[in-house]
Amino acid sequence: MKPPRSLPVRALQAAPDQRPGPSPGTNSPLDCSCPGKAPRGGSRSGPAEPDPRTPLGWVVLRGALSVLAAGLVGASAAAAAPAALTEPALVTPKALGAAMLAVTRAGERLVAVGERGTVLWSDDGGARWQQAKVPVQAALTAVRFADARAGWAVGHLGVILKTEDGGRSWARQLDGVQAAAALQAAAGADERAQRQAQRMVEEGPDKPFFDLEVIDARHAVAVGAYGLAFATSDGGAHWAPLPTASANPKSLHLYGVRVQGERWFMAGEQGLLLHSTDGGASFAPLASPYKGSFFGLLAARTGTLIAYGLRGSAWRSADAGASWDKLELGSSVTLQAGIERAPGQLVLLGQTGEIFASQDDGRSFTSLNTPAGPLPAAGLASAPDGAWVIASLRGIRRAAP
């Protein structure tokens, strides 16, 4: 069985029944020869994108759908939920070596998320870590904070979690069962939307979320498989589907989302770029400079936007996506994460642990090689003392700047 292609590394090995099939008609599918899950949308046509040059093994898509408040789903749906949604993450010293998929700052604190619902937090710049209390065992793949206390994490099985204490403890706000019910309720008289929602209900909570943007303590956005996108405007008490279907008619996977004021941006498979100029009320496609997969977006405070992904591809826009300039990194390593370290200082992370830094608002980048050594990297943060903190499939690594 060949490894799946054109996927972000910010995911980990999972049972076959947790692997989503390819987007219908996409040229960048997951491997569908695994047992227990037929590909959605039938066979694909056209050439697949080349494999990223990495021996990272099985990589699974991140996160699934999002939401509605808990309680919208009846007892019968709740009974169908897998154990990973109902059993808390195991608290164990081995969590310090777990595969970690994302890391971020919550004020001066660092918070990292990873496999089997593992959440770790550190108050000393990543030198020592403690494990948080988490109500699920689903892999968590993205985490972001509004301030030092309020934040969200998303992951497999349609999970969305919220913390109000800086990541020490978490509460579930959504799972894939509830997400499917939300889609069904929002379908209205649209027959295509009805069919898609019904298929989501029938397939169960098997689809992951890929990325998360937190605007403030009340507003957040989550995106994931098959073009699904949800948002909350009340701190997560309710989540609602976003109207992206007409801008993404192929239901391509969405891997990245970032918000700059009223402008919202999403990126995904086959060079897909979407934007909203009205705070998420409507979406339209952006002309894309690239046909390969984008795995993330970096939105700077200056308004600069960088879309990055497969084979070292990175593109910069200074006009809200109206035009793009190709960035020359001097490397073909697939890019997995990006952060703004300080005004004008932008950083991209390669999946081998290589770091690329810019001092001129993303106009040019310099390789810093692999400060934490070669490793299967997935997420990046800057510690309060300036050290690099890297989430990897071999755990968290801290390295001098």
Protein backbone atom coordinates (compact mmCIF):
# COMPACT_ATOMS: atom_id res chain seq x y z
CA MET A 1 0.00 0.00 0.00
CA LYS A 2 1.50 3.33 -1.04
CA PRO A 3 1.42 6.32 1.28
CA PRO A 4 -1.24 8.91 0.53
CA ARG A 5 -0.10 11.91 -1.47
CA SER A 6 -0.58 15.65 -1.40
CA LEU A 7 -1.51 15.85 2.27
CA PRO A 8 -0.31 18.00 5.15
CA VAL A 9 1.98 16.25 7.60
CA ARG A 10 0.00 17.75 10.50
CA ALA A 11 -1.84 14.49 11.04
CA LEU A 12 -0.82 11.07 12.17
CA GLN A 13 -1.29 7.38 11.70
CA ALA A 14 -4.89 6.36 12.18
CA ALA A 15 -7.02 3.30 11.88
CA PRO A 16 -8.30 2.68 8.33
CA ASP A 17 -11.86 3.50 9.35
CA GLN A 18 -10.74 7.03 10.28
CA ARG A 19 -9.19 7.83 6.89
CA PRO A 20 -11.40 10.04 4.72
CA GLY A 21 -11.61 9.26 1.03
CA PRO A 22 -10.54 11.69 -1.69
CA SER A 23 -12.59 14.69 -2.63
CA PRO A 24 -14.83 13.81 -5.57
CA GLY A 25 -12.98 14.44 -8.81
CA THR A 26 -9.78 15.65 -7.16
CA ASN A 27 -6.33 15.08 -8.64
CA SER A 28 -4.72 14.94 -5.20
CA PRO A 29 -6.46 12.05 -3.43
CA LEU A 30 -5.74 10.05 -0.38
CA ASP A 31 -4.76 6.46 -0.96
CA CYS A 32 -8.07 4.58 -1.00
CA SER A 33 -6.79 1.02 -1.07
CA CYS A 34 -7.03 0.77 2.71
CA PRO A 35 -9.75 -1.62 3.93
CA GLY A 36 -13.00 -0.56 5.49
CA LYS A 37 -13.51 2.71 3.63
CA ALA A 38 -14.57 3.02 0.03
CA PRO A 39 -13.51 6.22 -1.72
CA ARG A 40 -16.16 8.88 -1.91
CA GLY A 41 -17.03 10.07 -5.37
CA GLY A 42 -15.78 6.95 -7.19
CA SER A 43 -12.55 6.66 -9.14
CA ARG A 44 -10.54 9.72 -10.01
CA SER A 45 -9.30 10.89 -13.36
CA GLY A 46 -6.17 12.79 -14.32
CA PRO A 47 -2.64 12.50 -12.94
CA ALA A 48 -2.00 12.70 -9.23
CA GLU A 49 0.43 15.25 -7.91
CA PRO A 50 3.93 13.90 -7.25
CA ASP A 51 4.71 12.55 -3.81
CA PRO A 52 6.24 14.97 -1.31
CA ARG A 53 9.84 13.84 -0.80
CA THR A 54 9.48 12.44 2.67
CA PRO A 55 9.45 8.99 4.33
CA LEU A 56 6.90 10.03 6.93
CA GLY A 57 4.60 7.05 6.48
CA TRP A 58 0.86 7.20 6.73
CA VAL A 59 -0.44 10.72 7.00
CA VAL A 60 -4.05 11.44 7.58
CA LEU A 61 -6.09 14.53 6.87
CA ARG A 62 -6.75 16.89 9.76
CA GLY A 63 -9.99 17.64 11.45
CA ALA A 64 -13.57 17.25 10.23
CA LEU A 65 -16.67 19.33 10.26
CA SER A 66 -17.95 21.64 12.94
CA VAL A 67 -20.99 22.18 14.86
CA LEU A 68 -24.19 23.23 16.41
CA ALA A 69 -24.41 23.26 20.13
CA ALA A 70 -24.30 20.00 22.01
CA GLY A 71 -27.76 18.65 22.48
CA LEU A 72 -28.91 19.10 18.90
CA VAL A 73 -28.25 15.44 18.26
CA GLY A 74 -30.63 12.86 19.68
CA ALA A 75 -29.80 9.90 21.83
CA SER A 76 -29.65 7.53 18.86
CA ALA A 77 -26.95 9.62 17.17
CA ALA A 78 -25.02 9.88 20.41
CA ALA A 79 -25.10 6.10 20.73
CA ALA A 80 -23.37 5.82 17.35
CA ALA A 81 -20.41 7.95 18.42
CA PRO A 82 -17.08 6.07 18.52
CA ALA A 83 -15.33 5.55 21.84
CA ALA A 84 -12.72 8.18 20.95
CA LEU A 85 -15.45 10.80 21.28
CA THR A 86 -16.74 9.62 24.64
CA GLU A 87 -13.59 8.57 26.51
CA PRO A 88 -11.11 11.10 27.91
CA ALA A 89 -7.50 11.21 26.78
CA LEU A 90 -5.27 8.95 28.82
CA VAL A 91 -3.06 10.89 31.23
CA THR A 92 0.36 9.25 31.06
CA PRO A 93 4.06 10.17 31.19
CA LYS A 94 4.30 8.77 27.66
CA ALA A 95 2.33 11.79 26.45
CA LEU A 96 5.60 13.76 26.50
CA GLY A 97 6.78 11.64 23.58
CA ALA A 98 3.52 11.57 21.65
CA ALA A 99 3.23 12.68 18.05
CA MET A 100 2.40 16.38 18.24
CA LEU A 101 0.76 18.13 15.33
CA ALA A 102 0.48 21.82 16.26
CA VAL A 103 1.79 24.29 18.83
CA THR A 104 0.91 27.89 19.62
CA ARG A 105 1.20 30.64 22.22
CA ALA A 106 -1.44 31.47 24.83
CA GLY A 107 0.06 34.62 26.26
CA GLU A 108 3.43 33.54 27.71
CA ARG A 109 2.30 29.91 27.79
CA LEU A 110 2.91 27.36 25.04
CA VAL A 111 0.17 24.86 24.18
CA ALA A 112 0.65 21.85 21.87
CA VAL A 113 -1.83 19.26 20.57
CA GLY A 114 -1.43 15.85 19.01
CA GLU A 115 -2.38 12.21 18.80
CA ARG A 116 -5.09 10.53 20.89
CA GLY A 117 -6.33 13.81 22.34
CA THR A 118 -2.96 14.73 23.82
CA VAL A 119 -2.62 18.38 24.89
CA LEU A 120 0.55 19.64 26.57
CA TRP A 121 1.27 23.04 28.08
CA SER A 122 4.45 24.75 29.23
CA ASP A 123 5.05 27.88 31.29
CA ASP A 124 8.85 27.89 30.91
CA GLY A 125 9.26 28.34 27.18
CA GLY A 126 8.97 24.66 26.31
CA ALA A 127 11.66 23.30 28.64
CA ARG A 128 9.10 21.30 30.65
CA TRP A 129 5.58 20.23 29.75
CA GLN A 130 2.45 19.17 31.61
CA GLN A 131 -0.53 17.26 30.25
CA ALA A 132 -3.98 18.83 30.11
CA LYS A 133 -7.36 17.25 30.82
CA VAL A 134 -9.08 16.46 27.51
CA PRO A 135 -12.52 14.80 27.11
CA VAL A 136 -11.75 12.92 23.87
CA GLN A 137 -9.15 10.57 22.42
CA ALA A 138 -9.39 11.88 18.87
CA ALA A 139 -6.21 13.23 17.32
CA LEU A 140 -6.04 17.03 17.60
CA THR A 141 -4.49 18.84 14.67
CA ALA A 142 -4.77 22.61 15.15
CA VAL A 143 -4.85 24.95 18.14
CA ARG A 144 -5.14 28.74 18.45
CA PHE A 145 -5.92 31.25 21.20
CA ALA A 146 -7.76 34.55 21.40
CA ASP A 147 -5.85 35.58 24.53
CA ALA A 148 -3.97 33.97 27.41
CA ARG A 149 -7.02 31.97 28.53
CA ALA A 150 -9.57 31.44 25.73
CA GLY A 151 -8.72 29.13 22.85
CA TRP A 152 -9.90 26.30 20.62
CA ALA A 153 -8.48 23.06 19.26
CA VAL A 154 -9.84 20.94 16.41
CA GLY A 155 -9.14 17.45 15.15
CA HIS A 156 -10.30 14.09 13.89
CA LEU A 157 -13.89 12.85 14.14
CA GLY A 158 -15.18 16.40 13.75
CA VAL A 159 -13.94 17.46 17.17
CA ILE A 160 -13.89 21.07 18.34
CA LEU A 161 -12.71 21.74 21.90
CA LYS A 162 -12.70 24.98 23.92
CA THR A 163 -10.55 26.04 26.86
CA GLU A 164 -11.10 28.94 29.23
CA ASP A 165 -8.05 28.38 31.43
CA GLY A 166 -5.14 28.68 29.03
CA GLY A 167 -5.21 25.07 27.88
CA ARG A 168 -5.13 23.26 31.23
CA SER A 169 -8.59 21.74 30.67
CA TRP A 170 -10.88 21.44 27.68
CA ALA A 171 -14.58 20.94 26.91
CA ARG A 172 -16.07 19.49 23.75
CA GLN A 173 -18.25 21.83 21.70
CA LEU A 174 -18.72 19.73 18.57
CA ASP A 175 -18.21 16.33 17.01
CA GLY A 176 -18.78 14.95 13.52
CA VAL A 177 -22.22 13.62 14.34
CA GLN A 178 -23.38 17.08 15.37
CA ALA A 179 -21.65 18.61 12.36
CA ALA A 180 -23.58 16.36 9.98
CA ALA A 181 -26.83 17.30 11.71
CA ALA A 182 -25.94 20.99 11.34
CA LEU A 183 -25.33 20.55 7.63
CA GLN A 184 -28.61 18.71 7.22
CA ALA A 185 -30.48 21.46 9.04
CA ALA A 186 -28.84 24.15 6.91
CA ALA A 187 -29.45 22.39 3.56
CA GLY A 188 -32.97 23.77 3.18
CA ALA A 189 -34.46 23.14 -0.27
CA ASP A 190 -31.07 22.80 -1.99
CA GLU A 191 -31.11 19.23 -3.34
CA ARG A 192 -27.33 19.01 -3.78
CA ALA A 193 -26.77 20.24 -0.25
CA GLN A 194 -29.39 17.78 1.01
CA ARG A 195 -27.62 14.86 -0.69
CA GLN A 196 -24.25 15.87 0.67
CA ALA A 197 -25.61 16.33 4.17
CA GLN A 198 -27.39 12.96 4.07
CA ARG A 199 -24.16 11.29 2.99
CA MET A 200 -22.39 12.94 5.92
CA VAL A 201 -24.99 11.57 8.30
CA GLU A 202 -24.72 8.06 6.84
CA GLU A 203 -20.93 8.00 6.88
CA GLY A 204 -20.68 9.09 10.49
CA PRO A 205 -18.06 11.26 12.20
CA ASP A 206 -15.07 10.05 10.18
CA LYS A 207 -13.80 13.32 8.72
CA PRO A 208 -11.15 15.60 10.21
CA PHE A 209 -10.71 19.31 10.62
CA PHE A 210 -7.55 20.71 9.06
CA ASP A 211 -7.19 24.25 10.36
CA LEU A 212 -8.58 26.82 12.72
CA GLU A 213 -8.61 30.60 12.98
CA VAL A 214 -9.51 32.43 16.19
CA ILE A 215 -10.60 36.04 15.72
CA ASP A 216 -11.44 36.79 19.35
CA ALA A 217 -12.95 35.02 22.36
CA ARG A 218 -16.36 34.83 20.64
CA HIS A 219 -15.47 34.36 16.97
CA ALA A 220 -13.62 31.44 15.37
CA VAL A 221 -13.55 29.57 12.05
CA ALA A 222 -12.74 25.91 11.32
CA VAL A 223 -12.18 24.23 7.94
CA GLY A 224 -11.69 20.67 6.85
CA ALA A 225 -12.41 17.79 4.52
CA TYR A 226 -14.66 18.03 1.45
CA GLY A 227 -14.79 21.82 1.62
CA LEU A 228 -16.52 21.97 4.97
CA ALA A 229 -16.27 25.26 6.82
CA PHE A 230 -17.97 26.37 10.03
CA ALA A 231 -17.89 29.45 12.25
CA THR A 232 -19.06 30.57 15.66
CA SER A 233 -19.96 34.07 16.81
CA ASP A 234 -20.91 33.25 20.41
CA GLY A 235 -17.82 31.63 21.87
CA GLY A 236 -18.68 28.21 20.49
CA ALA A 237 -22.14 27.80 22.00
CA HIS A 238 -23.31 27.41 18.40
CA TRP A 239 -21.40 26.65 15.21
CA ALA A 240 -22.91 27.10 11.76
CA PRO A 241 -21.85 26.06 8.23
CA LEU A 242 -20.35 28.79 6.07
CA PRO A 243 -21.64 29.40 2.52
CA THR A 244 -18.58 28.16 0.60
CA ALA A 245 -20.23 25.53 -1.63
CA SER A 246 -20.73 27.73 -4.71
CA ALA A 247 -17.11 28.93 -4.55
CA ASN A 248 -15.84 25.37 -4.10
CA PRO A 249 -18.20 23.24 -6.26
CA LYS A 250 -15.83 20.23 -6.29
CA SER A 251 -15.87 20.12 -2.47
CA LEU A 252 -12.08 20.17 -2.39
CA HIS A 253 -10.41 19.80 0.98
CA LEU A 254 -9.67 23.07 2.77
CA TYR A 255 -6.30 23.02 4.54
CA GLY A 256 -5.90 26.61 5.74
CA VAL A 257 -7.95 29.57 6.95
CA ARG A 258 -6.90 33.05 8.04
CA VAL A 259 -8.79 36.26 8.77
CA GLN A 260 -7.68 39.87 8.23
CA GLY A 261 -10.48 42.14 9.41
CA GLU A 262 -13.55 41.62 7.24
CA ARG A 263 -11.48 39.64 4.74
CA TRP A 264 -11.43 35.88 5.21
CA PHE A 265 -9.14 33.58 3.21
CA MET A 266 -9.15 29.81 2.71
CA ALA A 267 -6.70 27.56 0.86
CA GLY A 268 -6.77 23.92 -0.15
CA GLU A 269 -6.35 21.25 -2.78
CA GLN A 270 -5.41 21.91 -6.41
CA GLY A 271 -4.40 25.50 -5.70
CA LEU A 272 -7.83 26.38 -4.34
CA LEU A 273 -8.07 29.88 -2.88
CA LEU A 274 -11.32 31.37 -1.53
CA HIS A 275 -12.03 34.75 0.00
CA SER A 276 -14.78 36.69 1.68
CA THR A 277 -14.95 40.48 1.89
CA ASP A 278 -17.96 40.60 4.19
CA GLY A 279 -16.85 38.73 7.28
CA GLY A 280 -17.82 35.27 6.05
CA ALA A 281 -21.32 36.10 4.78
CA SER A 282 -20.34 35.08 1.24
CA PHE A 283 -17.33 33.58 -0.53
CA ALA A 284 -15.81 33.70 -4.01
CA PRO A 285 -12.81 31.96 -5.61
CA LEU A 286 -9.55 33.83 -6.05
CA ALA A 287 -7.46 33.40 -9.20
CA SER A 288 -4.74 30.99 -8.08
CA PRO A 289 -1.10 31.16 -9.19
CA TYR A 290 -0.54 27.46 -8.50
CA LYS A 291 -2.24 24.16 -9.34
CA GLY A 292 -0.71 22.11 -6.55
CA SER A 293 -2.05 21.85 -3.03
CA PHE A 294 -1.74 24.69 -0.56
CA PHE A 295 -1.31 23.37 2.99
CA GLY A 296 -1.66 26.63 4.88
CA LEU A 297 -1.86 30.41 4.98
CA LEU A 298 0.22 32.98 6.85
CA ALA A 299 -1.54 36.32 7.39
CA ALA A 300 0.65 39.15 8.66
CA ARG A 301 -0.46 42.23 10.55
CA THR A 302 0.76 44.36 7.63
CA GLY A 303 -1.83 42.75 5.36
CA THR A 304 0.67 40.48 3.64
CA LEU A 305 -0.69 37.02 2.85
CA ILE A 306 1.43 33.96 2.07
CA ALA A 307 0.00 30.70 0.71
CA TYR A 308 2.35 27.73 1.05
CA GLY A 309 2.33 24.01 0.47
CA LEU A 310 3.62 21.20 -1.70
CA ARG A 311 7.24 20.95 -2.86
CA GLY A 312 8.41 24.23 -1.34
CA SER A 313 5.79 26.28 -3.13
CA ALA A 314 5.06 29.64 -1.52
CA TRP A 315 3.33 32.69 -2.94
CA ARG A 316 3.03 36.20 -1.50
CA SER A 317 0.21 38.71 -1.97
CA ALA A 318 0.23 42.32 -0.77
CA ASP A 319 -3.20 43.15 -2.22
CA ALA A 320 -5.59 40.73 -0.51
CA GLY A 321 -5.06 37.97 -3.06
CA ALA A 322 -5.63 40.02 -6.21
CA SER A 323 -2.08 39.19 -7.39
CA TRP A 324 0.66 36.84 -6.23
CA ASP A 325 4.46 36.75 -6.39
CA LYS A 326 6.29 33.43 -6.27
CA LEU A 327 8.77 33.12 -3.41
CA GLU A 328 12.10 31.39 -4.07
CA LEU A 329 13.09 29.40 -1.01
CA GLY A 330 15.83 27.37 -2.64
CA SER A 331 14.26 24.15 -1.39
CA SER A 332 11.66 21.65 -2.57
CA VAL A 333 10.65 20.57 0.94
CA THR A 334 6.91 20.65 1.52
CA LEU A 335 5.87 23.49 3.83
CA GLN A 336 3.69 22.68 6.82
CA ALA A 337 3.34 25.79 9.01
CA GLY A 338 3.88 29.52 9.07
CA ILE A 339 3.98 32.14 11.82
CA GLU A 340 4.54 35.87 12.25
CA ARG A 341 7.27 36.12 14.85
CA ALA A 342 7.24 39.92 15.01
CA PRO A 343 6.15 42.72 12.69
CA GLY A 344 7.92 42.08 9.38
CA GLN A 345 9.41 38.79 10.62
CA LEU A 346 7.65 35.87 8.94
CA VAL A 347 8.66 32.23 9.28
CA LEU A 348 7.82 29.06 7.32
CA LEU A 349 8.41 25.48 8.51
CA GLY A 350 9.31 22.59 6.22
CA GLN A 351 8.22 19.06 6.98
CA THR A 352 11.84 18.01 7.58
CA GLY A 353 12.26 20.60 10.34
CA GLU A 354 13.89 23.20 8.08
CA ILE A 355 13.00 26.79 8.97
CA PHE A 356 12.84 29.67 6.49
CA ALA A 357 12.86 33.20 7.94
CA SER A 358 12.05 36.59 6.44
CA GLN A 359 12.98 39.99 7.84
CA ASP A 360 11.24 41.99 5.10
CA ASP A 361 7.56 41.08 5.47
CA GLY A 362 7.86 37.95 3.35
CA ARG A 363 9.52 39.41 0.27
CA SER A 364 12.51 37.11 0.68
CA PHE A 365 13.39 34.15 2.92
CA THR A 366 16.63 32.66 4.22
CA SER A 367 17.03 29.04 5.29
CA LEU A 368 18.03 28.51 8.93
CA ASN A 369 18.49 24.80 8.19
CA THR A 370 17.10 22.48 10.88
CA PRO A 371 17.77 24.08 14.29
CA ALA A 372 16.13 21.17 16.14
CA GLY A 373 17.73 18.58 13.84
CA PRO A 374 16.01 16.69 11.01
CA LEU A 375 12.57 15.55 12.13
CA PRO A 376 9.04 15.06 10.73
CA ALA A 377 7.81 18.53 11.62
CA ALA A 378 4.19 19.65 11.70
CA GLY A 379 3.82 22.87 13.73
CA LEU A 380 5.87 25.85 14.86
CA ALA A 381 5.78 28.51 17.57
CA SER A 382 8.19 31.05 19.00
CA ALA A 383 8.78 30.82 22.75
CA PRO A 384 8.77 34.01 24.88
CA ASP A 385 12.59 33.89 24.99
CA GLY A 386 12.81 33.60 21.20
CA ALA A 387 13.53 29.86 21.03
CA TRP A 388 11.92 27.75 18.30
CA VAL A 389 9.34 25.24 19.51
CA ILE A 390 8.50 22.59 16.92
CA ALA A 391 5.65 20.07 17.05
CA SER A 392 6.71 16.85 15.35
CA LEU A 393 5.72 13.23 15.01
CA ARG A 394 8.54 12.55 17.50
CA GLY A 395 7.17 14.94 20.12
CA ILE A 396 7.95 18.57 20.95
CA ARG A 397 11.40 19.95 20.24
CA ARG A 398 12.90 23.22 21.48
CA ALA A 399 15.86 24.83 19.70
CA ALA A 400 17.86 28.02 20.11
CA PRO A 401 16.98 30.78 17.63
